[in-house]
Amino acid sequence: MTLEAGDDAPAVTANNQHGETVSPEFEAPTVVYFYPRDDTPGCTVEAKQFNAELESYRDAGATVYGVSTDDVESHEAFAEKFDLGFDLLADPDGEIADAFGVEVENDYTPRTTFVLADGEVKAVYDGVDPDGHAREVLSDMLDDELVALN
């Protein structure tokens, strides 16, 4: 079952596109978005839009992570191709998806986004439309005060 607002943030560790081990604490405002596959049309739109909004997220004190079941090498190529400035976490075994309660079906995760802070889930977006989603989440974080931003 997918985590819901108010649930404790899970403890996760994964390699990013550089092969570095990343273990987000989820104390500071954090966006974790799950997407099906690197370098596919919808996933590219979503990644490029999060990247375009990245400075605004950082100015607000928030970190962004993209997660898919692709491996480190696939993430590296995807991040380099589109000059992505945030971490893509490799989840080939579905361990991060499982920790968030996101179902992996046919090796893909559905588009699901989590906003976390203070060690808990603040908001969940299911069935995400990739076009405009990065701005929607940022707007909700700023306007609805989902989390305490800078």
C-alpha atoms as a PDB file:
ATOM      1  CA  MET A   1       0.000   0.000   0.000  1.00  0.00           C
ATOM      2  CA  THR A   2       1.348   3.413  -0.991  1.00  0.00           C
ATOM      3  CA  LEU A   3       2.529   5.609   1.847  1.00  0.00           C
ATOM      4  CA  GLU A   4       0.133   8.414   2.727  1.00  0.00           C
ATOM      5  CA  ALA A   5       0.468  11.879   4.227  1.00  0.00           C
ATOM      6  CA  GLY A   6       1.363  11.524   7.901  1.00  0.00           C
ATOM      7  CA  ASP A   7       3.251   8.232   7.464  1.00  0.00           C
ATOM      8  CA  ASP A   8       6.861   8.046   8.591  1.00  0.00           C
ATOM      9  CA  ALA A   9       9.425   8.556   5.844  1.00  0.00           C
ATOM     10  CA  PRO A  10      11.145   5.284   4.954  1.00  0.00           C
ATOM     11  CA  ALA A  11      14.872   4.686   5.314  1.00  0.00           C
ATOM     12  CA  VAL A  12      16.315   4.174   1.842  1.00  0.00           C
ATOM     13  CA  THR A  13      19.746   3.912   0.294  1.00  0.00           C
ATOM     14  CA  ALA A  14      20.568   3.714  -3.405  1.00  0.00           C
ATOM     15  CA  ASN A  15      23.209   4.614  -5.952  1.00  0.00           C
ATOM     16  CA  ASN A  16      22.736   7.742  -8.007  1.00  0.00           C
ATOM     17  CA  GLN A  17      23.706   8.240 -11.645  1.00  0.00           C
ATOM     18  CA  HIS A  18      27.335   8.761 -10.597  1.00  0.00           C
ATOM     19  CA  GLY A  19      27.475   5.454  -8.711  1.00  0.00           C
ATOM     20  CA  GLU A  20      27.560   7.312  -5.382  1.00  0.00           C
ATOM     21  CA  THR A  21      25.609   5.945  -2.430  1.00  0.00           C
ATOM     22  CA  VAL A  22      22.776   8.262  -1.388  1.00  0.00           C
ATOM     23  CA  SER A  23      20.755   7.931   1.836  1.00  0.00           C
ATOM     24  CA  PRO A  24      18.242  10.797   2.063  1.00  0.00           C
ATOM     25  CA  GLU A  25      17.276  11.752   5.602  1.00  0.00           C
ATOM     26  CA  PHE A  26      13.919  13.355   4.671  1.00  0.00           C
ATOM     27  CA  GLU A  27      14.204  15.902   7.469  1.00  0.00           C
ATOM     28  CA  ALA A  28      14.577  18.853   5.090  1.00  0.00           C
ATOM     29  CA  PRO A  29      11.886  19.297   2.413  1.00  0.00           C
ATOM     30  CA  THR A  30      12.358  16.615  -0.231  1.00  0.00           C
ATOM     31  CA  VAL A  31      10.558  15.564  -3.395  1.00  0.00           C
ATOM     32  CA  VAL A  32      10.865  11.943  -4.480  1.00  0.00           C
ATOM     33  CA  TYR A  33       9.260  11.239  -7.816  1.00  0.00           C
ATOM     34  CA  PHE A  34       8.941   7.758  -9.290  1.00  0.00           C
ATOM     35  CA  TYR A  35       8.845   7.430 -13.054  1.00  0.00           C
ATOM     36  CA  PRO A  36       8.659   4.404 -15.372  1.00  0.00           C
ATOM     37  CA  ARG A  37      11.755   4.558 -17.578  1.00  0.00           C
ATOM     38  CA  ASP A  38      14.744   6.719 -18.526  1.00  0.00           C
ATOM     39  CA  ASP A  39      14.712   8.543 -21.854  1.00  0.00           C
ATOM     40  CA  THR A  40      11.095   7.854 -22.799  1.00  0.00           C
ATOM     41  CA  PRO A  41       8.829  10.724 -23.900  1.00  0.00           C
ATOM     42  CA  GLY A  42       6.807  11.313 -20.709  1.00  0.00           C
ATOM     43  CA  CYS A  43       9.715  10.622 -18.392  1.00  0.00           C
ATOM     44  CA  THR A  44      11.914  13.022 -20.348  1.00  0.00           C
ATOM     45  CA  VAL A  45       9.291  15.787 -20.112  1.00  0.00           C
ATOM     46  CA  GLU A  46       8.992  15.248 -16.363  1.00  0.00           C
ATOM     47  CA  ALA A  47      12.761  15.162 -15.748  1.00  0.00           C
ATOM     48  CA  LYS A  48      13.420  18.232 -17.887  1.00  0.00           C
ATOM     49  CA  GLN A  49      10.684  20.168 -16.095  1.00  0.00           C
ATOM     50  CA  PHE A  50      11.983  19.227 -12.633  1.00  0.00           C
ATOM     51  CA  ASN A  51      15.404  20.311 -13.858  1.00  0.00           C
ATOM     52  CA  ALA A  52      13.998  23.631 -15.128  1.00  0.00           C
ATOM     53  CA  GLU A  53      12.445  24.270 -11.700  1.00  0.00           C
ATOM     54  CA  LEU A  54      15.467  22.982  -9.762  1.00  0.00           C
ATOM     55  CA  GLU A  55      16.810  26.406  -8.805  1.00  0.00           C
ATOM     56  CA  SER A  56      13.402  27.350  -7.388  1.00  0.00           C
ATOM     57  CA  TYR A  57      13.276  24.108  -5.414  1.00  0.00           C
ATOM     58  CA  ARG A  58      16.774  24.756  -4.068  1.00  0.00           C
ATOM     59  CA  ASP A  59      15.937  28.380  -3.253  1.00  0.00           C
ATOM     60  CA  ALA A  60      13.031  27.014  -1.215  1.00  0.00           C
ATOM     61  CA  GLY A  61      15.403  24.618   0.591  1.00  0.00           C
ATOM     62  CA  ALA A  62      14.047  21.486  -1.099  1.00  0.00           C
ATOM     63  CA  THR A  63      15.894  18.554  -2.671  1.00  0.00           C
ATOM     64  CA  VAL A  64      14.595  16.568  -5.656  1.00  0.00           C
ATOM     65  CA  TYR A  65      15.221  12.873  -6.391  1.00  0.00           C
ATOM     66  CA  GLY A  66      13.988  10.918  -9.385  1.00  0.00           C
ATOM     67  CA  VAL A  67      13.604   7.148  -8.959  1.00  0.00           C
ATOM     68  CA  SER A  68      13.063   4.392 -11.505  1.00  0.00           C
ATOM     69  CA  THR A  69      13.937   0.726 -11.817  1.00  0.00           C
ATOM     70  CA  ASP A  70      16.653   1.594 -14.347  1.00  0.00           C
ATOM     71  CA  ASP A  71      20.259   0.906 -13.394  1.00  0.00           C
ATOM     72  CA  VAL A  72      23.070   3.369 -12.685  1.00  0.00           C
ATOM     73  CA  GLU A  73      24.385   3.248 -16.262  1.00  0.00           C
ATOM     74  CA  SER A  74      20.966   4.080 -17.719  1.00  0.00           C
ATOM     75  CA  HIS A  75      20.540   6.945 -15.234  1.00  0.00           C
ATOM     76  CA  GLU A  76      24.008   8.239 -16.077  1.00  0.00           C
ATOM     77  CA  ALA A  77      23.241   8.361 -19.809  1.00  0.00           C
ATOM     78  CA  PHE A  78      19.824   9.964 -19.197  1.00  0.00           C
ATOM     79  CA  ALA A  79      21.220  12.594 -16.821  1.00  0.00           C
ATOM     80  CA  GLU A  80      24.077  13.446 -19.176  1.00  0.00           C
ATOM     81  CA  LYS A  81      21.845  13.633 -22.263  1.00  0.00           C
ATOM     82  CA  PHE A  82      19.559  16.202 -20.635  1.00  0.00           C
ATOM     83  CA  ASP A  83      22.094  17.803 -18.247  1.00  0.00           C
ATOM     84  CA  LEU A  84      20.008  16.927 -15.198  1.00  0.00           C
ATOM     85  CA  GLY A  85      21.203  18.607 -12.018  1.00  0.00           C
ATOM     86  CA  PHE A  86      19.524  16.360  -9.458  1.00  0.00           C
ATOM     87  CA  ASP A  87      20.077  12.775  -8.352  1.00  0.00           C
ATOM     88  CA  LEU A  88      18.421   9.897 -10.149  1.00  0.00           C
ATOM     89  CA  LEU A  89      18.311   6.927  -7.793  1.00  0.00           C
ATOM     90  CA  ALA A  90      18.704   3.477  -9.310  1.00  0.00           C
ATOM     91  CA  ASP A  91      16.143   0.978  -8.018  1.00  0.00           C
ATOM     92  CA  PRO A  92      16.574  -2.116 -10.223  1.00  0.00           C
ATOM     93  CA  ASP A  93      15.367  -4.472  -7.474  1.00  0.00           C
ATOM     94  CA  GLY A  94      12.394  -2.276  -6.515  1.00  0.00           C
ATOM     95  CA  GLU A  95      13.583  -1.787  -2.933  1.00  0.00           C
ATOM     96  CA  ILE A  96      12.921   1.963  -2.849  1.00  0.00           C
ATOM     97  CA  ALA A  97       9.555   1.488  -4.542  1.00  0.00           C
ATOM     98  CA  ASP A  98       8.690  -1.149  -1.948  1.00  0.00           C
ATOM     99  CA  ALA A  99       9.724   1.155   0.915  1.00  0.00           C
ATOM    100  CA  PHE A 100       7.329   3.812  -0.433  1.00  0.00           C
ATOM    101  CA  GLY A 101       4.617   1.274  -1.209  1.00  0.00           C
ATOM    102  CA  VAL A 102       4.813   1.948  -4.950  1.00  0.00           C
ATOM    103  CA  GLU A 103       3.920  -1.156  -6.924  1.00  0.00           C
ATOM    104  CA  VAL A 104       6.417  -2.363  -9.524  1.00  0.00           C
ATOM    105  CA  GLU A 105       4.633  -3.987 -12.439  1.00  0.00           C
ATOM    106  CA  ASN A 106       6.500  -5.419 -15.450  1.00  0.00           C
ATOM    107  CA  ASP A 107       9.670  -3.760 -14.097  1.00  0.00           C
ATOM    108  CA  TYR A 108       8.094  -0.276 -14.144  1.00  0.00           C
ATOM    109  CA  THR A 109       6.763   1.996 -11.430  1.00  0.00           C
ATOM    110  CA  PRO A 110       3.751   4.222 -12.008  1.00  0.00           C
ATOM    111  CA  ARG A 111       4.292   7.966 -11.838  1.00  0.00           C
ATOM    112  CA  THR A 112       3.987   8.720  -8.148  1.00  0.00           C
ATOM    113  CA  THR A 113       5.457  11.686  -6.278  1.00  0.00           C
ATOM    114  CA  PHE A 114       6.050  12.164  -2.571  1.00  0.00           C
ATOM    115  CA  VAL A 115       6.768  15.366  -0.670  1.00  0.00           C
ATOM    116  CA  LEU A 116       8.563  14.639   2.587  1.00  0.00           C
ATOM    117  CA  ALA A 117       9.891  16.725   5.476  1.00  0.00           C
ATOM    118  CA  ASP A 118      10.462  16.375   9.205  1.00  0.00           C
ATOM    119  CA  GLY A 119      10.820  12.612   8.734  1.00  0.00           C
ATOM    120  CA  GLU A 120       7.318  12.114   7.371  1.00  0.00           C
ATOM    121  CA  VAL A 121       5.280  12.092   4.189  1.00  0.00           C
ATOM    122  CA  LYS A 122       3.565  15.443   3.667  1.00  0.00           C
ATOM    123  CA  ALA A 123       1.820  14.812   0.320  1.00  0.00           C
ATOM    124  CA  VAL A 124       1.396  12.095  -2.317  1.00  0.00           C
ATOM    125  CA  TYR A 125       0.576  12.534  -5.997  1.00  0.00           C
ATOM    126  CA  ASP A 126      -0.709   9.425  -7.803  1.00  0.00           C
ATOM    127  CA  GLY A 127      -1.371   9.025 -11.511  1.00  0.00           C
ATOM    128  CA  VAL A 128       0.825  11.987 -12.347  1.00  0.00           C
ATOM    129  CA  ASP A 129       0.636  13.781 -15.691  1.00  0.00           C
ATOM    130  CA  PRO A 130       4.323  14.549 -16.352  1.00  0.00           C
ATOM    131  CA  ASP A 131       3.695  17.837 -18.180  1.00  0.00           C
ATOM    132  CA  GLY A 132       3.459  20.598 -15.583  1.00  0.00           C
ATOM    133  CA  HIS A 133       3.909  18.309 -12.582  1.00  0.00           C
ATOM    134  CA  ALA A 134       7.199  19.824 -11.350  1.00  0.00           C
ATOM    135  CA  ARG A 135       5.630  23.283 -11.238  1.00  0.00           C
ATOM    136  CA  GLU A 136       2.451  21.921  -9.599  1.00  0.00           C
ATOM    137  CA  VAL A 137       4.425  20.305  -6.773  1.00  0.00           C
ATOM    138  CA  LEU A 138       6.557  23.406  -6.238  1.00  0.00           C
ATOM    139  CA  SER A 139       3.474  25.621  -6.246  1.00  0.00           C
ATOM    140  CA  ASP A 140       1.750  23.357  -3.721  1.00  0.00           C
ATOM    141  CA  MET A 141       4.837  23.386  -1.520  1.00  0.00           C
ATOM    142  CA  LEU A 142       5.027  27.172  -1.597  1.00  0.00           C
ATOM    143  CA  ASP A 143       1.312  28.032  -1.515  1.00  0.00           C
ATOM    144  CA  ASP A 144      -0.139  25.315   0.654  1.00  0.00           C
ATOM    145  CA  GLU A 145       2.698  25.293   3.147  1.00  0.00           C
ATOM    146  CA  LEU A 146       3.005  21.495   2.939  1.00  0.00           C
ATOM    147  CA  VAL A 147       6.450  21.896   4.456  1.00  0.00           C
ATOM    148  CA  ALA A 148       8.389  24.646   6.161  1.00  0.00           C
ATOM    149  CA  LEU A 149      10.427  26.153   3.325  1.00  0.00           C
ATOM    150  CA  ASN A 150      13.156  28.773   3.510  1.00  0.00           C
END
